[in-house]
Amino acid sequence: MSIVGPRPEVLYYVARWPEEDRKVILSVKPGITDYATLLYNDEQAVLAKTDDPKEAYMKKVMPHKLEMYMRYVEDQNFCLDLRLILATLGRMAGLNVKILNVLRFRC
C-alpha cells in the first residue's frame, strides 16, 4: 500500500472492470488517496439519494472512478503525488480544495 494511488476496491466491483483497465490499474500499488478520492469524498451521501445505490454506483460512479484511476496511472510522478497529498490534507482540514486545479496541473 502506498499513500497515493488508486484506492483498493471491493473484489465484487474489480471483477466487473474491463480486463484492460483492471490490468493497468492493478499494476500500481493501491493508495489512500488519488483523484477519485478527492472527487468522491461524499460518495455515500450521493449514493444515498438514489433509488438504487448499487446501480448508480455501477453505471455512474464506477466508470468515472475507473477513468480517474487510469489517469493517475498515466500521470503519476512525485510532484503529482505531493499535490494529491496536500489536496487531501486540505480537504480533511475543511478547505474547499478544487480538484480541477489538481487535475489540470502537469508536473
PDB file of N, CA and C in Angstrom:
ATOM      1  N   MET A   1       0.853  -1.174   0.000  1.00  0.00           N
ATOM      2  CA  MET A   1       0.000   0.000   0.000  1.00  0.00           C
ATOM      3  C   MET A   1       0.898   1.237   0.000  1.00  0.00           C
ATOM      4  N   SER A   2       0.427   2.244  -0.698  1.00  0.00           N
ATOM      5  CA  SER A   2       1.142   3.498  -0.819  1.00  0.00           C
ATOM      6  C   SER A   2       0.247   4.625  -0.288  1.00  0.00           C
ATOM      7  N   ILE A   3       0.797   5.803  -0.114  1.00  0.00           N
ATOM      8  CA  ILE A   3      -0.027   6.940   0.295  1.00  0.00           C
ATOM      9  C   ILE A   3      -0.901   7.383  -0.874  1.00  0.00           C
ATOM     10  N   VAL A   4      -0.319   7.463  -2.072  1.00  0.00           N
ATOM     11  CA  VAL A   4      -1.063   7.900  -3.250  1.00  0.00           C
ATOM     12  C   VAL A   4      -1.133   6.752  -4.257  1.00  0.00           C
ATOM     13  N   GLY A   5      -2.315   6.540  -4.789  1.00  0.00           N
ATOM     14  CA  GLY A   5      -2.553   5.508  -5.788  1.00  0.00           C
ATOM     15  C   GLY A   5      -4.027   5.179  -5.797  1.00  0.00           C
ATOM     16  N   PRO A   6      -4.484   4.428  -6.776  1.00  0.00           N
ATOM     17  CA  PRO A   6      -5.897   4.071  -6.824  1.00  0.00           C
ATOM     18  C   PRO A   6      -6.328   3.362  -5.536  1.00  0.00           C
ATOM     19  N   ARG A   7      -7.446   3.789  -4.980  1.00  0.00           N
ATOM     20  CA  ARG A   7      -7.934   3.185  -3.738  1.00  0.00           C
ATOM     21  C   ARG A   7      -8.313   1.728  -3.970  1.00  0.00           C
ATOM     22  N   PRO A   8      -8.059   0.882  -2.976  1.00  0.00           N
ATOM     23  CA  PRO A   8      -8.489  -0.516  -3.106  1.00  0.00           C
ATOM     24  C   PRO A   8     -10.013  -0.566  -3.257  1.00  0.00           C
ATOM     25  N   GLU A   9     -10.475  -1.446  -4.096  1.00  0.00           N
ATOM     26  CA  GLU A   9     -11.902  -1.578  -4.377  1.00  0.00           C
ATOM     27  C   GLU A   9     -12.368  -2.961  -3.945  1.00  0.00           C
ATOM     28  N   VAL A  10     -13.634  -3.086  -3.654  1.00  0.00           N
ATOM     29  CA  VAL A  10     -14.234  -4.371  -3.297  1.00  0.00           C
ATOM     30  C   VAL A  10     -14.088  -5.317  -4.495  1.00  0.00           C
ATOM     31  N   LEU A  11     -13.701  -6.563  -4.240  1.00  0.00           N
ATOM     32  CA  LEU A  11     -13.450  -7.518  -5.318  1.00  0.00           C
ATOM     33  C   LEU A  11     -14.655  -7.710  -6.233  1.00  0.00           C
ATOM     34  N   TYR A  12     -15.843  -7.611  -5.688  1.00  0.00           N
ATOM     35  CA  TYR A  12     -17.064  -7.719  -6.488  1.00  0.00           C
ATOM     36  C   TYR A  12     -17.030  -6.734  -7.648  1.00  0.00           C
ATOM     37  N   TYR A  13     -16.594  -5.503  -7.375  1.00  0.00           N
ATOM     38  CA  TYR A  13     -16.552  -4.475  -8.414  1.00  0.00           C
ATOM     39  C   TYR A  13     -15.326  -4.618  -9.309  1.00  0.00           C
ATOM     40  N   VAL A  14     -14.208  -4.994  -8.731  1.00  0.00           N
ATOM     41  CA  VAL A  14     -12.988  -5.194  -9.524  1.00  0.00           C
ATOM     42  C   VAL A  14     -13.243  -6.247 -10.612  1.00  0.00           C
ATOM     43  N   ALA A  15     -13.978  -7.283 -10.265  1.00  0.00           N
ATOM     44  CA  ALA A  15     -14.284  -8.349 -11.224  1.00  0.00           C
ATOM     45  C   ALA A  15     -15.118  -7.829 -12.395  1.00  0.00           C
ATOM     46  N   ARG A  16     -15.774  -6.697 -12.220  1.00  0.00           N
ATOM     47  CA  ARG A  16     -16.618  -6.117 -13.271  1.00  0.00           C
ATOM     48  C   ARG A  16     -15.919  -5.019 -14.080  1.00  0.00           C
ATOM     49  N   TRP A  17     -14.678  -4.711 -13.729  1.00  0.00           N
ATOM     50  CA  TRP A  17     -13.908  -3.743 -14.509  1.00  0.00           C
ATOM     51  C   TRP A  17     -13.549  -4.369 -15.858  1.00  0.00           C
ATOM     52  N   PRO A  18     -13.434  -3.561 -16.902  1.00  0.00           N
ATOM     53  CA  PRO A  18     -12.915  -4.095 -18.168  1.00  0.00           C
ATOM     54  C   PRO A  18     -11.513  -4.677 -17.931  1.00  0.00           C
ATOM     55  N   GLU A  19     -11.229  -5.784 -18.582  1.00  0.00           N
ATOM     56  CA  GLU A  19      -9.969  -6.502 -18.333  1.00  0.00           C
ATOM     57  C   GLU A  19      -8.732  -5.625 -18.506  1.00  0.00           C
ATOM     58  N   GLU A  20      -8.698  -4.828 -19.566  1.00  0.00           N
ATOM     59  CA  GLU A  20      -7.521  -3.987 -19.817  1.00  0.00           C
ATOM     60  C   GLU A  20      -7.349  -2.947 -18.698  1.00  0.00           C
ATOM     61  N   ASP A  21      -8.448  -2.333 -18.270  1.00  0.00           N
ATOM     62  CA  ASP A  21      -8.388  -1.370 -17.163  1.00  0.00           C
ATOM     63  C   ASP A  21      -7.886  -2.052 -15.901  1.00  0.00           C
ATOM     64  N   ARG A  22      -8.404  -3.246 -15.636  1.00  0.00           N
ATOM     65  CA  ARG A  22      -8.002  -3.983 -14.430  1.00  0.00           C
ATOM     66  C   ARG A  22      -6.501  -4.229 -14.435  1.00  0.00           C
ATOM     67  N   LYS A  23      -5.951  -4.652 -15.577  1.00  0.00           N
ATOM     68  CA  LYS A  23      -4.504  -4.914 -15.674  1.00  0.00           C
ATOM     69  C   LYS A  23      -3.699  -3.650 -15.370  1.00  0.00           C
ATOM     70  N   VAL A  24      -4.104  -2.546 -15.970  1.00  0.00           N
ATOM     71  CA  VAL A  24      -3.362  -1.292 -15.801  1.00  0.00           C
ATOM     72  C   VAL A  24      -3.476  -0.792 -14.364  1.00  0.00           C
ATOM     73  N   ILE A  25      -4.685  -0.723 -13.846  1.00  0.00           N
ATOM     74  CA  ILE A  25      -4.901  -0.166 -12.502  1.00  0.00           C
ATOM     75  C   ILE A  25      -4.234  -1.021 -11.435  1.00  0.00           C
ATOM     76  N   LEU A  26      -4.327  -2.327 -11.576  1.00  0.00           N
ATOM     77  CA  LEU A  26      -3.734  -3.211 -10.571  1.00  0.00           C
ATOM     78  C   LEU A  26      -2.226  -3.358 -10.731  1.00  0.00           C
ATOM     79  N   SER A  27      -1.655  -2.705 -11.749  1.00  0.00           N
ATOM     80  CA  SER A  27      -0.199  -2.763 -11.936  1.00  0.00           C
ATOM     81  C   SER A  27       0.538  -1.796 -11.009  1.00  0.00           C
ATOM     82  N   VAL A  28      -0.201  -0.895 -10.354  1.00  0.00           N
ATOM     83  CA  VAL A  28       0.413   0.044  -9.410  1.00  0.00           C
ATOM     84  C   VAL A  28      -0.083  -0.254  -8.001  1.00  0.00           C
ATOM     85  N   LYS A  29       0.710   0.175  -7.021  1.00  0.00           N
ATOM     86  CA  LYS A  29       0.302  -0.033  -5.632  1.00  0.00           C
ATOM     87  C   LYS A  29      -0.964   0.757  -5.340  1.00  0.00           C
ATOM     88  N   PRO A  30      -1.893   0.158  -4.598  1.00  0.00           N
ATOM     89  CA  PRO A  30      -3.070   0.922  -4.185  1.00  0.00           C
ATOM     90  C   PRO A  30      -2.656   1.969  -3.162  1.00  0.00           C
ATOM     91  N   GLY A  31      -3.472   3.002  -3.040  1.00  0.00           N
ATOM     92  CA  GLY A  31      -3.128   4.072  -2.120  1.00  0.00           C
ATOM     93  C   GLY A  31      -4.305   4.531  -1.285  1.00  0.00           C
ATOM     94  N   ILE A  32      -4.019   5.479  -0.431  1.00  0.00           N
ATOM     95  CA  ILE A  32      -5.025   6.057   0.454  1.00  0.00           C
ATOM     96  C   ILE A  32      -5.773   7.181  -0.252  1.00  0.00           C
ATOM     97  N   THR A  33      -5.094   7.876  -1.159  1.00  0.00           N
ATOM     98  CA  THR A  33      -5.730   8.996  -1.853  1.00  0.00           C
ATOM     99  C   THR A  33      -5.332   9.025  -3.325  1.00  0.00           C
ATOM    100  N   ASP A  34      -6.182   9.615  -4.123  1.00  0.00           N
ATOM    101  CA  ASP A  34      -5.941   9.792  -5.550  1.00  0.00           C
ATOM    102  C   ASP A  34      -6.977  10.776  -6.077  1.00  0.00           C
ATOM    103  N   TYR A  35      -7.056  10.939  -7.398  1.00  0.00           N
ATOM    104  CA  TYR A  35      -8.040  11.850  -7.984  1.00  0.00           C
ATOM    105  C   TYR A  35      -9.461  11.486  -7.526  1.00  0.00           C
ATOM    106  N   ALA A  36      -9.807  10.213  -7.625  1.00  0.00           N
ATOM    107  CA  ALA A  36     -11.168   9.779  -7.309  1.00  0.00           C
ATOM    108  C   ALA A  36     -11.521  10.001  -5.842  1.00  0.00           C
ATOM    109  N   THR A  37     -10.553   9.845  -4.957  1.00  0.00           N
ATOM    110  CA  THR A  37     -10.794  10.078  -3.540  1.00  0.00           C
ATOM    111  C   THR A  37     -11.204  11.523  -3.300  1.00  0.00           C
ATOM    112  N   LEU A  38     -10.528  12.434  -3.956  1.00  0.00           N
ATOM    113  CA  LEU A  38     -10.861  13.847  -3.797  1.00  0.00           C
ATOM    114  C   LEU A  38     -12.201  14.185  -4.446  1.00  0.00           C
ATOM    115  N   LEU A  39     -12.455  13.591  -5.582  1.00  0.00           N
ATOM    116  CA  LEU A  39     -13.681  13.892  -6.313  1.00  0.00           C
ATOM    117  C   LEU A  39     -14.914  13.276  -5.655  1.00  0.00           C
ATOM    118  N   TYR A  40     -14.766  12.091  -5.101  1.00  0.00           N
ATOM    119  CA  TYR A  40     -15.894  11.371  -4.499  1.00  0.00           C
ATOM    120  C   TYR A  40     -15.783  11.276  -2.981  1.00  0.00           C
ATOM    121  N   ASN A  41     -15.346  12.342  -2.346  1.00  0.00           N
ATOM    122  CA  ASN A  41     -15.218  12.303  -0.890  1.00  0.00           C
ATOM    123  C   ASN A  41     -16.582  12.231  -0.193  1.00  0.00           C
ATOM    124  N   ASP A  42     -17.666  12.509  -0.924  1.00  0.00           N
ATOM    125  CA  ASP A  42     -19.018  12.414  -0.365  1.00  0.00           C
ATOM    126  C   ASP A  42     -19.840  11.349  -1.083  1.00  0.00           C
ATOM    127  N   GLU A  43     -19.170  10.318  -1.550  1.00  0.00           N
ATOM    128  CA  GLU A  43     -19.811   9.268  -2.346  1.00  0.00           C
ATOM    129  C   GLU A  43     -21.025   8.649  -1.649  1.00  0.00           C
ATOM    130  N   GLN A  44     -20.911   8.335  -0.367  1.00  0.00           N
ATOM    131  CA  GLN A  44     -22.026   7.703   0.345  1.00  0.00           C
ATOM    132  C   GLN A  44     -23.258   8.588   0.358  1.00  0.00           C
ATOM    133  N   ALA A  45     -23.070   9.876   0.567  1.00  0.00           N
ATOM    134  CA  ALA A  45     -24.203  10.803   0.586  1.00  0.00           C
ATOM    135  C   ALA A  45     -24.849  10.904  -0.794  1.00  0.00           C
ATOM    136  N   VAL A  46     -24.035  10.908  -1.835  1.00  0.00           N
ATOM    137  CA  VAL A  46     -24.554  10.973  -3.202  1.00  0.00           C
ATOM    138  C   VAL A  46     -25.359   9.720  -3.521  1.00  0.00           C
ATOM    139  N   LEU A  47     -24.811   8.557  -3.202  1.00  0.00           N
ATOM    140  CA  LEU A  47     -25.498   7.297  -3.491  1.00  0.00           C
ATOM    141  C   LEU A  47     -26.758   7.124  -2.649  1.00  0.00           C
ATOM    142  N   ALA A  48     -26.759   7.655  -1.446  1.00  0.00           N
ATOM    143  CA  ALA A  48     -27.934   7.533  -0.570  1.00  0.00           C
ATOM    144  C   ALA A  48     -29.147   8.260  -1.146  1.00  0.00           C
ATOM    145  N   LYS A  49     -28.916   9.215  -2.019  1.00  0.00           N
ATOM    146  CA  LYS A  49     -30.016   9.987  -2.615  1.00  0.00           C
ATOM    147  C   LYS A  49     -30.636   9.290  -3.829  1.00  0.00           C
ATOM    148  N   THR A  50     -30.079   8.164  -4.241  1.00  0.00           N
ATOM    149  CA  THR A  50     -30.591   7.467  -5.421  1.00  0.00           C
ATOM    150  C   THR A  50     -31.557   6.365  -5.006  1.00  0.00           C
ATOM    151  N   ASP A  51     -32.397   5.948  -5.950  1.00  0.00           N
ATOM    152  CA  ASP A  51     -33.340   4.859  -5.676  1.00  0.00           C
ATOM    153  C   ASP A  51     -32.631   3.523  -5.539  1.00  0.00           C
ATOM    154  N   ASP A  52     -31.582   3.333  -6.315  1.00  0.00           N
ATOM    155  CA  ASP A  52     -30.822   2.084  -6.292  1.00  0.00           C
ATOM    156  C   ASP A  52     -29.330   2.420  -6.240  1.00  0.00           C
ATOM    157  N   PRO A  53     -28.772   2.540  -5.024  1.00  0.00           N
ATOM    158  CA  PRO A  53     -27.359   2.932  -4.892  1.00  0.00           C
ATOM    159  C   PRO A  53     -26.381   2.012  -5.630  1.00  0.00           C
ATOM    160  N   LYS A  54     -26.650   0.718  -5.612  1.00  0.00           N
ATOM    161  CA  LYS A  54     -25.736  -0.212  -6.288  1.00  0.00           C
ATOM    162  C   LYS A  54     -25.728   0.043  -7.797  1.00  0.00           C
ATOM    163  N   GLU A  55     -26.898   0.241  -8.387  1.00  0.00           N
ATOM    164  CA  GLU A  55     -26.978   0.521  -9.823  1.00  0.00           C
ATOM    165  C   GLU A  55     -26.339   1.870 -10.150  1.00  0.00           C
ATOM    166  N   ALA A  56     -26.582   2.857  -9.309  1.00  0.00           N
ATOM    167  CA  ALA A  56     -25.983   4.180  -9.522  1.00  0.00           C
ATOM    168  C   ALA A  56     -24.461   4.084  -9.460  1.00  0.00           C
ATOM    169  N   TYR A  57     -23.952   3.293  -8.531  1.00  0.00           N
ATOM    170  CA  TYR A  57     -22.504   3.118  -8.430  1.00  0.00           C
ATOM    171  C   TYR A  57     -21.955   2.448  -9.696  1.00  0.00           C
ATOM    172  N   MET A  58     -22.615   1.361 -10.105  1.00  0.00           N
ATOM    173  CA  MET A  58     -22.130   0.593 -11.264  1.00  0.00           C
ATOM    174  C   MET A  58     -22.190   1.401 -12.563  1.00  0.00           C
ATOM    175  N   LYS A  59     -23.235   2.200 -12.740  1.00  0.00           N
ATOM    176  CA  LYS A  59     -23.432   2.882 -14.021  1.00  0.00           C
ATOM    177  C   LYS A  59     -22.827   4.278 -14.087  1.00  0.00           C
ATOM    178  N   LYS A  60     -22.683   4.945 -12.946  1.00  0.00           N
ATOM    179  CA  LYS A  60     -22.182   6.326 -12.978  1.00  0.00           C
ATOM    180  C   LYS A  60     -20.856   6.503 -12.249  1.00  0.00           C
ATOM    181  N   VAL A  61     -20.825   6.082 -11.003  1.00  0.00           N
ATOM    182  CA  VAL A  61     -19.639   6.344 -10.185  1.00  0.00           C
ATOM    183  C   VAL A  61     -18.454   5.480 -10.611  1.00  0.00           C
ATOM    184  N   MET A  62     -18.650   4.184 -10.712  1.00  0.00           N
ATOM    185  CA  MET A  62     -17.535   3.288 -11.025  1.00  0.00           C
ATOM    186  C   MET A  62     -16.866   3.620 -12.358  1.00  0.00           C
ATOM    187  N   PRO A  63     -17.614   3.848 -13.441  1.00  0.00           N
ATOM    188  CA  PRO A  63     -16.925   4.198 -14.690  1.00  0.00           C
ATOM    189  C   PRO A  63     -16.089   5.481 -14.564  1.00  0.00           C
ATOM    190  N   HIS A  64     -16.600   6.454 -13.834  1.00  0.00           N
ATOM    191  CA  HIS A  64     -15.841   7.692 -13.666  1.00  0.00           C
ATOM    192  C   HIS A  64     -14.610   7.457 -12.797  1.00  0.00           C
ATOM    193  N   LYS A  65     -14.752   6.647 -11.756  1.00  0.00           N
ATOM    194  CA  LYS A  65     -13.594   6.314 -10.925  1.00  0.00           C
ATOM    195  C   LYS A  65     -12.531   5.592 -11.755  1.00  0.00           C
ATOM    196  N   LEU A  66     -12.968   4.691 -12.625  1.00  0.00           N
ATOM    197  CA  LEU A  66     -12.009   3.981 -13.473  1.00  0.00           C
ATOM    198  C   LEU A  66     -11.228   4.961 -14.345  1.00  0.00           C
ATOM    199  N   GLU A  67     -11.923   5.960 -14.884  1.00  0.00           N
ATOM    200  CA  GLU A  67     -11.236   6.987 -15.676  1.00  0.00           C
ATOM    201  C   GLU A  67     -10.194   7.711 -14.826  1.00  0.00           C
ATOM    202  N   MET A  68     -10.565   8.025 -13.596  1.00  0.00           N
ATOM    203  CA  MET A  68      -9.647   8.728 -12.700  1.00  0.00           C
ATOM    204  C   MET A  68      -8.459   7.837 -12.326  1.00  0.00           C
ATOM    205  N   TYR A  69      -8.713   6.555 -12.071  1.00  0.00           N
ATOM    206  CA  TYR A  69      -7.629   5.623 -11.750  1.00  0.00           C
ATOM    207  C   TYR A  69      -6.656   5.516 -12.924  1.00  0.00           C
ATOM    208  N   MET A  70      -7.213   5.374 -14.124  1.00  0.00           N
ATOM    209  CA  MET A  70      -6.366   5.257 -15.317  1.00  0.00           C
ATOM    210  C   MET A  70      -5.558   6.536 -15.528  1.00  0.00           C
ATOM    211  N   ARG A  71      -6.186   7.657 -15.300  1.00  0.00           N
ATOM    212  CA  ARG A  71      -5.474   8.927 -15.464  1.00  0.00           C
ATOM    213  C   ARG A  71      -4.329   9.025 -14.466  1.00  0.00           C
ATOM    214  N   TYR A  72      -4.570   8.603 -13.214  1.00  0.00           N
ATOM    215  CA  TYR A  72      -3.489   8.644 -12.227  1.00  0.00           C
ATOM    216  C   TYR A  72      -2.323   7.760 -12.681  1.00  0.00           C
ATOM    217  N   VAL A  73      -2.614   6.563 -13.157  1.00  0.00           N
ATOM    218  CA  VAL A  73      -1.540   5.661 -13.601  1.00  0.00           C
ATOM    219  C   VAL A  73      -0.722   6.317 -14.710  1.00  0.00           C
ATOM    220  N   GLU A  74      -1.405   6.998 -15.635  1.00  0.00           N
ATOM    221  CA  GLU A  74      -0.711   7.670 -16.735  1.00  0.00           C
ATOM    222  C   GLU A  74       0.106   8.873 -16.253  1.00  0.00           C
ATOM    223  N   ASP A  75      -0.447   9.631 -15.298  1.00  0.00           N
ATOM    224  CA  ASP A  75       0.156  10.890 -14.863  1.00  0.00           C
ATOM    225  C   ASP A  75       1.142  10.759 -13.707  1.00  0.00           C
ATOM    226  N   GLN A  76       1.168   9.628 -13.036  1.00  0.00           N
ATOM    227  CA  GLN A  76       1.861   9.537 -11.752  1.00  0.00           C
ATOM    228  C   GLN A  76       3.316   9.994 -11.809  1.00  0.00           C
ATOM    229  N   ASN A  77       3.659  10.796 -10.814  1.00  0.00           N
ATOM    230  CA  ASN A  77       5.030  11.238 -10.596  1.00  0.00           C
ATOM    231  C   ASN A  77       5.083  11.861  -9.199  1.00  0.00           C
ATOM    232  N   PHE A  78       6.268  12.137  -8.734  1.00  0.00           N
ATOM    233  CA  PHE A  78       6.446  12.641  -7.377  1.00  0.00           C
ATOM    234  C   PHE A  78       5.700  13.959  -7.149  1.00  0.00           C
ATOM    235  N   CYS A  79       5.798  14.870  -8.089  1.00  0.00           N
ATOM    236  CA  CYS A  79       5.157  16.180  -7.950  1.00  0.00           C
ATOM    237  C   CYS A  79       3.633  16.032  -7.839  1.00  0.00           C
ATOM    238  N   LEU A  80       3.042  15.197  -8.675  1.00  0.00           N
ATOM    239  CA  LEU A  80       1.598  14.965  -8.611  1.00  0.00           C
ATOM    240  C   LEU A  80       1.218  14.330  -7.279  1.00  0.00           C
ATOM    241  N   ASP A  81       1.982  13.352  -6.839  1.00  0.00           N
ATOM    242  CA  ASP A  81       1.694  12.711  -5.556  1.00  0.00           C
ATOM    243  C   ASP A  81       1.699  13.739  -4.424  1.00  0.00           C
ATOM    244  N   LEU A  82       2.659  14.625  -4.448  1.00  0.00           N
ATOM    245  CA  LEU A  82       2.730  15.669  -3.426  1.00  0.00           C
ATOM    246  C   LEU A  82       1.492  16.566  -3.480  1.00  0.00           C
ATOM    247  N   ARG A  83       1.075  16.956  -4.674  1.00  0.00           N
ATOM    248  CA  ARG A  83      -0.130  17.788  -4.830  1.00  0.00           C
ATOM    249  C   ARG A  83      -1.382  17.058  -4.319  1.00  0.00           C
ATOM    250  N   LEU A  84      -1.484  15.756  -4.622  1.00  0.00           N
ATOM    251  CA  LEU A  84      -2.641  14.988  -4.157  1.00  0.00           C
ATOM    252  C   LEU A  84      -2.647  14.861  -2.632  1.00  0.00           C
ATOM    253  N   ILE A  85      -1.480  14.678  -2.053  1.00  0.00           N
ATOM    254  CA  ILE A  85      -1.393  14.593  -0.585  1.00  0.00           C
ATOM    255  C   ILE A  85      -1.809  15.924   0.037  1.00  0.00           C
ATOM    256  N   LEU A  86      -1.293  17.018  -0.493  1.00  0.00           N
ATOM    257  CA  LEU A  86      -1.656  18.342   0.046  1.00  0.00           C
ATOM    258  C   LEU A  86      -3.141  18.641  -0.153  1.00  0.00           C
ATOM    259  N   ALA A  87      -3.684  18.276  -1.304  1.00  0.00           N
ATOM    260  CA  ALA A  87      -5.112  18.488  -1.551  1.00  0.00           C
ATOM    261  C   ALA A  87      -5.963  17.652  -0.584  1.00  0.00           C
ATOM    262  N   THR A  88      -5.527  16.435  -0.319  1.00  0.00           N
ATOM    263  CA  THR A  88      -6.246  15.570   0.615  1.00  0.00           C
ATOM    264  C   THR A  88      -6.201  16.142   2.027  1.00  0.00           C
ATOM    265  N   LEU A  89      -5.037  16.586   2.445  1.00  0.00           N
ATOM    266  CA  LEU A  89      -4.920  17.203   3.769  1.00  0.00           C
ATOM    267  C   LEU A  89      -5.789  18.453   3.863  1.00  0.00           C
ATOM    268  N   GLY A  90      -5.828  19.230   2.773  1.00  0.00           N
ATOM    269  CA  GLY A  90      -6.689  20.409   2.737  1.00  0.00           C
ATOM    270  C   GLY A  90      -8.151  20.048   2.899  1.00  0.00           C
ATOM    271  N   ARG A  91      -8.599  19.015   2.200  1.00  0.00           N
ATOM    272  CA  ARG A  91      -9.989  18.562   2.327  1.00  0.00           C
ATOM    273  C   ARG A  91     -10.270  18.103   3.755  1.00  0.00           C
ATOM    274  N   MET A  92      -9.329  17.378   4.338  1.00  0.00           N
ATOM    275  CA  MET A  92      -9.511  16.899   5.712  1.00  0.00           C
ATOM    276  C   MET A  92      -9.597  18.056   6.696  1.00  0.00           C
ATOM    277  N   ALA A  93      -8.929  19.154   6.377  1.00  0.00           N
ATOM    278  CA  ALA A  93      -8.955  20.342   7.236  1.00  0.00           C
ATOM    279  C   ALA A  93     -10.183  21.211   6.964  1.00  0.00           C
ATOM    280  N   GLY A  94     -11.010  20.772   6.003  1.00  0.00           N
ATOM    281  CA  GLY A  94     -12.225  21.516   5.712  1.00  0.00           C
ATOM    282  C   GLY A  94     -12.072  22.605   4.681  1.00  0.00           C
ATOM    283  N   LEU A  95     -10.935  22.640   3.992  1.00  0.00           N
ATOM    284  CA  LEU A  95     -10.736  23.640   2.951  1.00  0.00           C
ATOM    285  C   LEU A  95     -11.454  23.218   1.676  1.00  0.00           C
ATOM    286  N   ASN A  96     -11.892  24.175   0.909  1.00  0.00           N
ATOM    287  CA  ASN A  96     -12.570  23.912  -0.355  1.00  0.00           C
ATOM    288  C   ASN A  96     -11.516  23.725  -1.444  1.00  0.00           C
ATOM    289  N   VAL A  97     -10.937  22.549  -1.495  1.00  0.00           N
ATOM    290  CA  VAL A  97      -9.893  22.243  -2.457  1.00  0.00           C
ATOM    291  C   VAL A  97     -10.544  21.964  -3.806  1.00  0.00           C
ATOM    292  N   LYS A  98     -10.097  22.654  -4.818  1.00  0.00           N
ATOM    293  CA  LYS A  98     -10.640  22.472  -6.166  1.00  0.00           C
ATOM    294  C   LYS A  98      -9.916  21.318  -6.850  1.00  0.00           C
ATOM    295  N   ILE A  99     -10.611  20.206  -7.042  1.00  0.00           N
ATOM    296  CA  ILE A  99      -9.997  19.043  -7.682  1.00  0.00           C
ATOM    297  C   ILE A  99      -9.585  19.371  -9.105  1.00  0.00           C
ATOM    298  N   LEU A 100     -10.311  20.258  -9.760  1.00  0.00           N
ATOM    299  CA  LEU A 100      -9.945  20.598 -11.131  1.00  0.00           C
ATOM    300  C   LEU A 100      -8.559  21.215 -11.213  1.00  0.00           C
ATOM    301  N   ASN A 101      -8.153  21.952 -10.192  1.00  0.00           N
ATOM    302  CA  ASN A 101      -6.802  22.514 -10.175  1.00  0.00           C
ATOM    303  C   ASN A 101      -5.753  21.412 -10.103  1.00  0.00           C
ATOM    304  N   VAL A 102      -6.046  20.380  -9.346  1.00  0.00           N
ATOM    305  CA  VAL A 102      -5.113  19.253  -9.235  1.00  0.00           C
ATOM    306  C   VAL A 102      -5.087  18.502 -10.571  1.00  0.00           C
ATOM    307  N   LEU A 103      -6.261  18.325 -11.188  1.00  0.00           N
ATOM    308  CA  LEU A 103      -6.334  17.590 -12.449  1.00  0.00           C
ATOM    309  C   LEU A 103      -5.636  18.316 -13.592  1.00  0.00           C
ATOM    310  N   ARG A 104      -5.731  19.637 -13.604  1.00  0.00           N
ATOM    311  CA  ARG A 104      -5.151  20.418 -14.694  1.00  0.00           C
ATOM    312  C   ARG A 104      -3.634  20.546 -14.600  1.00  0.00           C
ATOM    313  N   PHE A 105      -3.115  20.465 -13.405  1.00  0.00           N
ATOM    314  CA  PHE A 105      -1.691  20.702 -13.198  1.00  0.00           C
ATOM    315  C   PHE A 105      -0.866  19.524 -13.707  1.00  0.00           C
ATOM    316  N   ARG A 106       0.093  19.820 -14.521  1.00  0.00           N
ATOM    317  CA  ARG A 106       1.016  18.788 -15.024  1.00  0.00           C
ATOM    318  C   ARG A 106       2.411  19.125 -14.520  1.00  0.00           C
ATOM    319  N   CYS A 107       3.032  18.195 -13.855  1.00  0.00           N
ATOM    320  CA  CYS A 107       4.388  18.402 -13.330  1.00  0.00           C
ATOM    321  C   CYS A 107       5.421  18.125 -14.397  1.00  0.00           C
TER     322      CYS A 107
END
